[in-house]
Amino acid sequence: MSDDESTQALQELPRAHTLTVRQSVRSSRLFDSVFEAILDQTSLPKFTKWHGVIPPVKKVDVHPNAPLRVGSRRHLHFAIGGGYTEVIEALEQGPNACSMQYRVIGGFPPPISWFARGAIGRYEVERSPDGCIAMWTAWVELRSALVIPFARAFGTLFVHSAMRGYLLAVTKA
């Protein structure tokens, strides 16, 4: 997805109440294999761990069944119950970069639902001279301006850690 298309998708979220959370890691692995690991829904549970109040993913259901493609819906089930559904909005694979963009539909389970209404997320893997750079960005639609301080603290304490942990696991797989 081009930057213009990403910007257009983000314009659908109210800017005043959007929190951006971003994480990236460098890896010596080839970018193709890292992106394949991101797309492999059966391995998602092994790449997620507890991060404070954020539980690991126990199972992923993809509809229609694999392979993941634009329009696919994936439901993430958490180890403690609950979960949420994402729809894949963009999927691009090029010679030097790959990306997948998704939108959370139907809401989040607590505690994220206390401050977040929805989100758009984007995984990107770019070729680098020593391997690749894997990035994960999430634009979170907040329920109101009143939750901004709580959402920033939650993002700093838990979400950054969860994102980094996932990216490190995927780049070492």
N, C-alpha and C. Protein backbone atom coordinates (compact mmCIF):
# COMPACT_ATOMS: atom_id res chain seq x y z
N MET A 1 0.86 -1.18 0.00
CA MET A 1 0.00 0.00 0.00
C MET A 1 0.90 1.22 0.00
N SER A 2 0.61 2.17 -0.85
CA SER A 2 1.40 3.39 -0.93
C SER A 2 1.11 4.28 0.27
N ASP A 3 2.00 5.26 0.48
CA ASP A 3 1.78 6.21 1.58
C ASP A 3 0.48 6.97 1.40
N ASP A 4 0.13 7.30 0.14
CA ASP A 4 -1.13 8.01 -0.12
C ASP A 4 -2.32 7.17 0.28
N GLU A 5 -2.28 5.85 -0.03
CA GLU A 5 -3.39 4.97 0.34
C GLU A 5 -3.48 4.80 1.85
N SER A 6 -2.32 4.72 2.52
CA SER A 6 -2.32 4.63 3.98
C SER A 6 -2.91 5.89 4.59
N THR A 7 -2.52 7.03 4.05
CA THR A 7 -3.04 8.30 4.54
C THR A 7 -4.54 8.36 4.34
N GLN A 8 -5.02 7.91 3.18
CA GLN A 8 -6.46 7.92 2.91
C GLN A 8 -7.20 7.03 3.90
N ALA A 9 -6.68 5.84 4.19
CA ALA A 9 -7.33 4.94 5.15
C ALA A 9 -7.35 5.57 6.53
N LEU A 10 -6.29 6.27 6.90
CA LEU A 10 -6.22 6.88 8.22
C LEU A 10 -7.14 8.08 8.34
N GLN A 11 -7.47 8.72 7.24
CA GLN A 11 -8.36 9.87 7.31
C GLN A 11 -9.75 9.46 7.77
N GLU A 12 -10.05 8.17 7.70
CA GLU A 12 -11.34 7.69 8.18
C GLU A 12 -11.41 7.70 9.71
N LEU A 13 -10.26 7.74 10.37
CA LEU A 13 -10.23 7.81 11.83
C LEU A 13 -10.21 9.27 12.25
N PRO A 14 -10.95 9.64 13.31
CA PRO A 14 -10.90 11.03 13.79
C PRO A 14 -9.49 11.38 14.27
N ARG A 15 -8.85 12.34 13.62
CA ARG A 15 -7.46 12.67 13.93
C ARG A 15 -7.24 13.13 15.37
N ALA A 16 -8.17 13.87 15.92
CA ALA A 16 -7.99 14.41 17.27
C ALA A 16 -7.92 13.30 18.31
N HIS A 17 -8.49 12.15 18.00
CA HIS A 17 -8.54 11.07 18.97
C HIS A 17 -7.83 9.82 18.47
N THR A 18 -6.73 10.01 17.73
CA THR A 18 -5.96 8.88 17.22
C THR A 18 -4.59 8.86 17.87
N LEU A 19 -4.22 7.69 18.39
CA LEU A 19 -2.91 7.49 19.00
C LEU A 19 -2.11 6.58 18.07
N THR A 20 -0.89 6.99 17.73
CA THR A 20 -0.02 6.17 16.90
C THR A 20 0.98 5.44 17.78
N VAL A 21 1.06 4.12 17.60
CA VAL A 21 2.02 3.29 18.33
C VAL A 21 2.87 2.60 17.28
N ARG A 22 4.21 2.71 17.43
CA ARG A 22 5.11 2.20 16.39
C ARG A 22 6.29 1.48 17.05
N GLN A 23 6.70 0.37 16.42
CA GLN A 23 7.85 -0.38 16.91
C GLN A 23 8.58 -0.96 15.71
N SER A 24 9.90 -1.10 15.80
CA SER A 24 10.66 -1.72 14.71
C SER A 24 11.87 -2.45 15.28
N VAL A 25 12.32 -3.46 14.55
CA VAL A 25 13.53 -4.19 14.92
C VAL A 25 14.33 -4.50 13.65
N ARG A 26 15.64 -4.60 13.81
CA ARG A 26 16.52 -4.99 12.71
C ARG A 26 16.81 -6.48 12.86
N SER A 27 16.99 -7.13 11.72
CA SER A 27 17.26 -8.57 11.75
C SER A 27 18.25 -8.92 10.65
N SER A 28 19.04 -9.95 10.90
CA SER A 28 19.95 -10.44 9.87
C SER A 28 19.25 -11.43 8.93
N ARG A 29 18.00 -11.80 9.25
CA ARG A 29 17.25 -12.72 8.38
C ARG A 29 16.83 -12.01 7.10
N LEU A 30 16.63 -12.78 6.05
CA LEU A 30 16.15 -12.22 4.80
C LEU A 30 14.73 -11.71 4.96
N PHE A 31 14.43 -10.59 4.33
CA PHE A 31 13.12 -9.98 4.55
C PHE A 31 11.98 -10.86 4.06
N ASP A 32 12.21 -11.67 3.02
CA ASP A 32 11.16 -12.56 2.52
C ASP A 32 10.71 -13.55 3.60
N SER A 33 11.68 -14.13 4.33
CA SER A 33 11.34 -15.12 5.34
C SER A 33 10.66 -14.48 6.55
N VAL A 34 11.03 -13.26 6.87
CA VAL A 34 10.37 -12.56 7.98
C VAL A 34 8.92 -12.25 7.61
N PHE A 35 8.69 -11.79 6.39
CA PHE A 35 7.32 -11.48 5.98
C PHE A 35 6.48 -12.76 5.90
N GLU A 36 7.07 -13.86 5.44
CA GLU A 36 6.35 -15.14 5.43
C GLU A 36 5.93 -15.54 6.84
N ALA A 37 6.80 -15.30 7.82
CA ALA A 37 6.47 -15.62 9.22
C ALA A 37 5.31 -14.76 9.71
N ILE A 38 5.27 -13.49 9.30
CA ILE A 38 4.16 -12.61 9.68
C ILE A 38 2.86 -13.10 9.07
N LEU A 39 2.91 -13.58 7.83
CA LEU A 39 1.70 -14.05 7.16
C LEU A 39 1.25 -15.43 7.62
N ASP A 40 2.13 -16.20 8.26
CA ASP A 40 1.80 -17.55 8.70
C ASP A 40 0.95 -17.49 9.97
N GLN A 41 -0.35 -17.60 9.79
CA GLN A 41 -1.29 -17.47 10.91
C GLN A 41 -1.19 -18.62 11.91
N THR A 42 -0.72 -19.77 11.48
CA THR A 42 -0.61 -20.90 12.41
C THR A 42 0.51 -20.68 13.42
N SER A 43 1.49 -19.85 13.07
CA SER A 43 2.60 -19.62 13.99
C SER A 43 2.40 -18.40 14.88
N LEU A 44 1.36 -17.62 14.64
CA LEU A 44 1.13 -16.41 15.45
C LEU A 44 1.10 -16.71 16.95
N PRO A 45 0.42 -17.76 17.42
CA PRO A 45 0.41 -18.02 18.86
C PRO A 45 1.80 -18.27 19.46
N LYS A 46 2.69 -18.89 18.73
CA LYS A 46 4.03 -19.15 19.31
C LYS A 46 4.88 -17.88 19.38
N PHE A 47 4.51 -16.85 18.64
CA PHE A 47 5.27 -15.60 18.65
C PHE A 47 4.76 -14.59 19.67
N THR A 48 3.65 -14.88 20.35
CA THR A 48 3.09 -13.92 21.31
C THR A 48 3.25 -14.44 22.73
N LYS A 49 3.52 -13.53 23.65
CA LYS A 49 3.71 -13.83 25.07
C LYS A 49 2.92 -12.81 25.89
N TRP A 50 2.82 -13.07 27.19
CA TRP A 50 2.20 -12.08 28.10
C TRP A 50 3.06 -10.82 28.14
N HIS A 51 2.41 -9.67 28.06
CA HIS A 51 3.08 -8.37 28.24
C HIS A 51 2.18 -7.55 29.15
N GLY A 52 2.43 -7.63 30.44
CA GLY A 52 1.58 -6.94 31.41
C GLY A 52 0.18 -7.49 31.34
N VAL A 53 -0.78 -6.64 31.01
CA VAL A 53 -2.18 -7.08 30.93
C VAL A 53 -2.58 -7.56 29.54
N ILE A 54 -1.65 -7.58 28.59
CA ILE A 54 -1.95 -8.04 27.24
C ILE A 54 -1.63 -9.54 27.16
N PRO A 55 -2.67 -10.36 26.96
CA PRO A 55 -2.45 -11.82 26.92
C PRO A 55 -1.92 -12.28 25.58
N PRO A 56 -1.32 -13.47 25.55
CA PRO A 56 -0.87 -14.02 24.27
C PRO A 56 -2.05 -14.50 23.43
N VAL A 57 -1.81 -14.59 22.13
CA VAL A 57 -2.81 -15.15 21.22
C VAL A 57 -2.74 -16.68 21.34
N LYS A 58 -3.89 -17.30 21.53
CA LYS A 58 -3.95 -18.76 21.66
C LYS A 58 -4.21 -19.43 20.32
N LYS A 59 -5.03 -18.78 19.49
CA LYS A 59 -5.46 -19.39 18.23
C LYS A 59 -5.88 -18.28 17.27
N VAL A 60 -5.74 -18.55 15.96
CA VAL A 60 -6.17 -17.61 14.93
C VAL A 60 -7.05 -18.37 13.94
N ASP A 61 -8.23 -17.83 13.67
CA ASP A 61 -9.11 -18.36 12.64
C ASP A 61 -9.10 -17.39 11.47
N VAL A 62 -8.86 -17.90 10.26
CA VAL A 62 -8.84 -17.06 9.06
C VAL A 62 -10.01 -17.47 8.18
N HIS A 63 -10.79 -16.48 7.74
CA HIS A 63 -11.92 -16.71 6.84
C HIS A 63 -11.81 -15.78 5.64
N PRO A 64 -11.88 -16.17 4.40
CA PRO A 64 -11.88 -17.58 4.07
C PRO A 64 -10.54 -18.19 4.42
N ASN A 65 -10.50 -19.48 4.49
CA ASN A 65 -9.30 -20.19 4.94
C ASN A 65 -8.08 -19.75 4.16
N ALA A 66 -6.89 -20.04 4.70
CA ALA A 66 -5.60 -19.63 4.14
C ALA A 66 -5.57 -19.82 2.63
N PRO A 67 -4.75 -19.12 1.88
CA PRO A 67 -3.78 -18.15 2.35
C PRO A 67 -4.43 -16.80 2.66
N LEU A 68 -3.75 -16.04 3.50
CA LEU A 68 -4.22 -14.70 3.86
C LEU A 68 -4.18 -13.82 2.62
N ARG A 69 -5.25 -13.05 2.40
CA ARG A 69 -5.31 -12.16 1.24
C ARG A 69 -6.20 -10.96 1.57
N VAL A 70 -6.21 -9.97 0.70
CA VAL A 70 -7.05 -8.79 0.90
C VAL A 70 -8.50 -9.26 1.02
N GLY A 71 -9.18 -8.78 2.05
CA GLY A 71 -10.55 -9.18 2.31
C GLY A 71 -10.68 -10.30 3.33
N SER A 72 -9.58 -11.02 3.59
CA SER A 72 -9.63 -12.07 4.61
C SER A 72 -9.92 -11.46 5.97
N ARG A 73 -10.61 -12.23 6.78
CA ARG A 73 -10.84 -11.84 8.18
C ARG A 73 -10.11 -12.84 9.05
N ARG A 74 -9.41 -12.31 10.05
CA ARG A 74 -8.78 -13.22 10.99
C ARG A 74 -9.25 -12.85 12.38
N HIS A 75 -9.66 -13.88 13.11
CA HIS A 75 -10.11 -13.67 14.48
C HIS A 75 -9.02 -14.19 15.40
N LEU A 76 -8.52 -13.31 16.27
CA LEU A 76 -7.49 -13.67 17.22
C LEU A 76 -8.16 -14.02 18.54
N HIS A 77 -7.91 -15.23 19.04
CA HIS A 77 -8.45 -15.70 20.32
C HIS A 77 -7.33 -15.58 21.36
N PHE A 78 -7.61 -14.94 22.48
CA PHE A 78 -6.61 -14.79 23.53
C PHE A 78 -6.61 -15.97 24.48
N ALA A 79 -5.47 -16.20 25.13
CA ALA A 79 -5.31 -17.32 26.05
C ALA A 79 -6.28 -17.25 27.22
N ILE A 80 -6.74 -16.06 27.59
CA ILE A 80 -7.66 -15.91 28.72
C ILE A 80 -9.11 -15.79 28.28
N GLY A 81 -9.37 -16.05 26.97
CA GLY A 81 -10.70 -15.89 26.42
C GLY A 81 -10.82 -14.54 25.74
N GLY A 82 -11.88 -14.35 25.01
CA GLY A 82 -12.08 -13.10 24.28
C GLY A 82 -11.15 -13.03 23.08
N GLY A 83 -11.24 -11.95 22.37
CA GLY A 83 -10.41 -11.73 21.21
C GLY A 83 -11.01 -10.63 20.36
N TYR A 84 -10.53 -10.50 19.15
CA TYR A 84 -11.08 -9.51 18.22
C TYR A 84 -10.83 -9.97 16.79
N THR A 85 -11.50 -9.30 15.85
CA THR A 85 -11.41 -9.65 14.45
C THR A 85 -10.77 -8.53 13.65
N GLU A 86 -9.92 -8.93 12.72
CA GLU A 86 -9.27 -7.99 11.81
C GLU A 86 -9.66 -8.35 10.37
N VAL A 87 -9.77 -7.35 9.53
CA VAL A 87 -9.96 -7.59 8.09
C VAL A 87 -8.70 -7.07 7.40
N ILE A 88 -8.16 -7.86 6.48
CA ILE A 88 -6.94 -7.48 5.76
C ILE A 88 -7.34 -6.51 4.65
N GLU A 89 -6.78 -5.30 4.70
CA GLU A 89 -7.12 -4.26 3.74
C GLU A 89 -6.12 -4.13 2.60
N ALA A 90 -4.87 -4.49 2.86
CA ALA A 90 -3.84 -4.38 1.83
C ALA A 90 -2.75 -5.41 2.10
N LEU A 91 -2.21 -5.93 1.03
CA LEU A 91 -1.15 -6.92 1.11
C LEU A 91 -0.27 -6.73 -0.11
N GLU A 92 0.98 -6.33 0.12
CA GLU A 92 1.89 -6.05 -0.99
C GLU A 92 3.21 -6.76 -0.79
N GLN A 93 3.71 -7.38 -1.85
CA GLN A 93 5.01 -8.04 -1.80
C GLN A 93 5.82 -7.58 -2.99
N GLY A 94 6.93 -6.89 -2.70
CA GLY A 94 7.81 -6.39 -3.75
C GLY A 94 9.21 -6.92 -3.56
N PRO A 95 10.13 -6.54 -4.45
CA PRO A 95 11.49 -7.07 -4.36
C PRO A 95 12.29 -6.53 -3.16
N ASN A 96 11.91 -5.36 -2.63
CA ASN A 96 12.66 -4.77 -1.53
C ASN A 96 11.82 -4.46 -0.30
N ALA A 97 10.51 -4.65 -0.39
CA ALA A 97 9.64 -4.35 0.73
C ALA A 97 8.33 -5.12 0.61
N CYS A 98 7.76 -5.46 1.76
CA CYS A 98 6.48 -6.15 1.83
C CYS A 98 5.66 -5.48 2.92
N SER A 99 4.34 -5.51 2.78
CA SER A 99 3.50 -4.92 3.82
C SER A 99 2.14 -5.58 3.86
N MET A 100 1.54 -5.52 5.04
CA MET A 100 0.17 -5.99 5.24
C MET A 100 -0.52 -4.98 6.14
N GLN A 101 -1.68 -4.51 5.72
CA GLN A 101 -2.45 -3.58 6.54
C GLN A 101 -3.79 -4.22 6.89
N TYR A 102 -4.20 -4.02 8.15
CA TYR A 102 -5.46 -4.59 8.64
C TYR A 102 -6.24 -3.54 9.41
N ARG A 103 -7.53 -3.79 9.56
CA ARG A 103 -8.41 -2.94 10.37
C ARG A 103 -9.12 -3.83 11.38
N VAL A 104 -9.13 -3.38 12.63
CA VAL A 104 -9.87 -4.10 13.67
C VAL A 104 -11.34 -3.76 13.50
N ILE A 105 -12.17 -4.79 13.43
CA ILE A 105 -13.61 -4.59 13.31
C ILE A 105 -14.30 -5.26 14.49
N GLY A 106 -15.41 -4.71 14.92
CA GLY A 106 -16.17 -5.32 15.99
C GLY A 106 -15.65 -5.04 17.39
N GLY A 107 -14.63 -4.22 17.52
CA GLY A 107 -14.16 -3.81 18.83
C GLY A 107 -13.15 -4.74 19.48
N PHE A 108 -12.57 -4.24 20.56
CA PHE A 108 -11.56 -4.94 21.34
C PHE A 108 -12.17 -5.49 22.63
N PRO A 109 -11.51 -6.49 23.22
CA PRO A 109 -11.90 -6.92 24.56
C PRO A 109 -11.26 -5.98 25.60
N PRO A 110 -11.74 -5.99 26.85
CA PRO A 110 -11.08 -5.22 27.91
C PRO A 110 -9.65 -5.75 28.11
N PRO A 111 -8.71 -4.98 28.51
CA PRO A 111 -8.82 -3.58 28.92
C PRO A 111 -8.71 -2.58 27.76
N ILE A 112 -8.35 -3.06 26.56
CA ILE A 112 -8.17 -2.14 25.44
C ILE A 112 -9.47 -1.43 25.09
N SER A 113 -10.60 -2.12 25.22
CA SER A 113 -11.89 -1.52 24.88
C SER A 113 -12.25 -0.35 25.78
N TRP A 114 -11.62 -0.23 26.93
CA TRP A 114 -11.91 0.87 27.84
C TRP A 114 -11.52 2.21 27.23
N PHE A 115 -10.52 2.20 26.33
CA PHE A 115 -10.09 3.48 25.74
C PHE A 115 -10.06 3.46 24.22
N ALA A 116 -10.07 2.28 23.58
CA ALA A 116 -9.95 2.22 22.13
C ALA A 116 -11.24 1.75 21.48
N ARG A 117 -11.63 2.43 20.44
CA ARG A 117 -12.83 2.09 19.68
C ARG A 117 -12.49 1.18 18.50
N GLY A 118 -11.34 1.39 17.88
CA GLY A 118 -10.92 0.62 16.72
C GLY A 118 -9.47 0.92 16.41
N ALA A 119 -8.95 0.28 15.36
CA ALA A 119 -7.55 0.50 15.00
C ALA A 119 -7.29 0.06 13.58
N ILE A 120 -6.26 0.65 13.02
CA ILE A 120 -5.68 0.20 11.76
C ILE A 120 -4.24 -0.15 12.09
N GLY A 121 -3.78 -1.29 11.62
CA GLY A 121 -2.41 -1.71 11.87
C GLY A 121 -1.71 -2.01 10.57
N ARG A 122 -0.41 -1.90 10.59
CA ARG A 122 0.38 -2.15 9.38
C ARG A 122 1.71 -2.78 9.75
N TYR A 123 1.98 -3.95 9.16
CA TYR A 123 3.29 -4.60 9.26
C TYR A 123 4.04 -4.27 7.99
N GLU A 124 5.32 -3.93 8.14
CA GLU A 124 6.16 -3.67 6.99
C GLU A 124 7.51 -4.35 7.20
N VAL A 125 8.05 -4.92 6.15
CA VAL A 125 9.38 -5.51 6.21
C VAL A 125 10.14 -4.97 5.00
N GLU A 126 11.28 -4.35 5.29
CA GLU A 126 12.10 -3.77 4.22
C GLU A 126 13.47 -4.40 4.20
N ARG A 127 13.97 -4.59 2.99
CA ARG A 127 15.32 -5.12 2.82
C ARG A 127 16.32 -4.08 3.33
N SER A 128 17.37 -4.55 4.00
CA SER A 128 18.45 -3.66 4.43
C SER A 128 19.77 -4.35 4.07
N PRO A 129 20.88 -3.62 4.09
CA PRO A 129 22.16 -4.23 3.70
C PRO A 129 22.54 -5.46 4.54
N ASP A 130 22.12 -5.48 5.80
CA ASP A 130 22.49 -6.60 6.67
C ASP A 130 21.32 -7.55 6.95
N GLY A 131 20.24 -7.47 6.20
CA GLY A 131 19.08 -8.34 6.40
C GLY A 131 17.79 -7.61 6.13
N CYS A 132 17.11 -7.21 7.23
CA CYS A 132 15.85 -6.49 7.05
C CYS A 132 15.50 -5.66 8.28
N ILE A 133 14.53 -4.81 8.10
CA ILE A 133 13.92 -4.05 9.19
C ILE A 133 12.44 -4.42 9.19
N ALA A 134 11.96 -4.90 10.33
CA ALA A 134 10.54 -5.25 10.48
C ALA A 134 9.88 -4.16 11.32
N MET A 135 8.75 -3.66 10.85
CA MET A 135 8.06 -2.56 11.53
C MET A 135 6.59 -2.92 11.74
N TRP A 136 6.04 -2.42 12.83
CA TRP A 136 4.61 -2.59 13.11
C TRP A 136 4.11 -1.24 13.61
N THR A 137 3.13 -0.69 12.92
CA THR A 137 2.52 0.57 13.31
C THR A 137 1.04 0.34 13.52
N ALA A 138 0.50 0.92 14.58
CA ALA A 138 -0.94 0.85 14.83
C ALA A 138 -1.45 2.26 15.08
N TRP A 139 -2.54 2.60 14.42
CA TRP A 139 -3.22 3.86 14.62
C TRP A 139 -4.51 3.51 15.37
N VAL A 140 -4.58 3.91 16.60
CA VAL A 140 -5.68 3.52 17.48
C VAL A 140 -6.68 4.66 17.61
N GLU A 141 -7.95 4.37 17.31
CA GLU A 141 -9.01 5.34 17.46
C GLU A 141 -9.46 5.31 18.92
N LEU A 142 -9.26 6.43 19.61
CA LEU A 142 -9.60 6.51 21.03
C LEU A 142 -11.06 6.91 21.21
N ARG A 143 -11.64 6.50 22.32
CA ARG A 143 -13.05 6.78 22.60
C ARG A 143 -13.31 8.27 22.82
N SER A 144 -12.37 8.97 23.41
CA SER A 144 -12.51 10.41 23.61
C SER A 144 -11.15 10.99 23.96
N ALA A 145 -11.06 12.32 23.94
CA ALA A 145 -9.83 12.99 24.31
C ALA A 145 -9.49 12.75 25.78
N LEU A 146 -10.48 12.43 26.59
CA LEU A 146 -10.26 12.21 28.01
C LEU A 146 -9.38 11.00 28.30
N VAL A 147 -9.34 10.03 27.38
CA VAL A 147 -8.56 8.82 27.63
C VAL A 147 -7.13 8.90 27.07
N ILE A 148 -6.77 10.01 26.45
CA ILE A 148 -5.44 10.13 25.84
C ILE A 148 -4.32 9.86 26.84
N PRO A 149 -4.32 10.45 28.03
CA PRO A 149 -3.21 10.15 28.97
C PRO A 149 -3.15 8.67 29.35
N PHE A 150 -4.30 8.05 29.59
CA PHE A 150 -4.33 6.63 29.95
C PHE A 150 -3.85 5.79 28.76
N ALA A 151 -4.31 6.11 27.56
CA ALA A 151 -3.94 5.35 26.37
C ALA A 151 -2.43 5.45 26.11
N ARG A 152 -1.86 6.64 26.28
CA ARG A 152 -0.41 6.80 26.09
C ARG A 152 0.36 5.98 27.11
N ALA A 153 -0.08 6.00 28.37
CA ALA A 153 0.59 5.22 29.40
C ALA A 153 0.47 3.72 29.11
N PHE A 154 -0.71 3.27 28.72
CA PHE A 154 -0.95 1.87 28.39
C PHE A 154 -0.06 1.46 27.21
N GLY A 155 -0.01 2.32 26.20
CA GLY A 155 0.83 2.04 25.04
C GLY A 155 2.29 1.93 25.41
N THR A 156 2.77 2.85 26.25
CA THR A 156 4.17 2.84 26.66
C THR A 156 4.49 1.63 27.52
N LEU A 157 3.62 1.30 28.46
CA LEU A 157 3.89 0.20 29.39
C LEU A 157 3.72 -1.18 28.77
N PHE A 158 2.70 -1.36 27.95
CA PHE A 158 2.35 -2.70 27.50
C PHE A 158 2.42 -2.91 25.98
N VAL A 159 1.85 -2.00 25.22
CA VAL A 159 1.74 -2.23 23.77
C VAL A 159 3.10 -2.21 23.09
N HIS A 160 3.96 -1.24 23.42
CA HIS A 160 5.30 -1.23 22.82
C HIS A 160 6.04 -2.53 23.11
N SER A 161 5.93 -3.01 24.33
CA SER A 161 6.59 -4.25 24.73
C SER A 161 6.03 -5.44 23.95
N ALA A 162 4.71 -5.51 23.81
CA ALA A 162 4.09 -6.61 23.06
C ALA A 162 4.50 -6.57 21.59
N MET A 163 4.50 -5.38 21.01
CA MET A 163 4.89 -5.24 19.61
C MET A 163 6.35 -5.65 19.40
N ARG A 164 7.21 -5.16 20.27
CA ARG A 164 8.64 -5.49 20.15
C ARG A 164 8.87 -6.99 20.34
N GLY A 165 8.21 -7.57 21.34
CA GLY A 165 8.35 -9.01 21.58
C GLY A 165 7.94 -9.82 20.38
N TYR A 166 6.82 -9.45 19.77
CA TYR A 166 6.34 -10.15 18.58
C TYR A 166 7.34 -10.01 17.43
N LEU A 167 7.78 -8.79 17.16
CA LEU A 167 8.70 -8.57 16.05
C LEU A 167 10.03 -9.31 16.27
N LEU A 168 10.53 -9.31 17.50
CA LEU A 168 11.77 -10.05 17.80
C LEU A 168 11.58 -11.54 17.55
N ALA A 169 10.46 -12.08 17.99
CA ALA A 169 10.19 -13.51 17.79
C ALA A 169 10.08 -13.85 16.31
N VAL A 170 9.37 -13.02 15.56
CA VAL A 170 9.18 -13.26 14.12
C VAL A 170 10.51 -13.17 13.37
N THR A 171 11.35 -12.23 13.76
CA THR A 171 12.61 -12.06 13.03
C THR A 171 13.66 -13.11 13.39
N LYS A 172 13.41 -13.86 14.46
CA LYS A 172 14.33 -14.93 14.86
C LYS A 172 13.83 -16.31 14.51
N ALA A 173 12.61 -16.40 13.99
CA ALA A 173 11.99 -17.71 13.71
C ALA A 173 12.77 -18.48 12.67
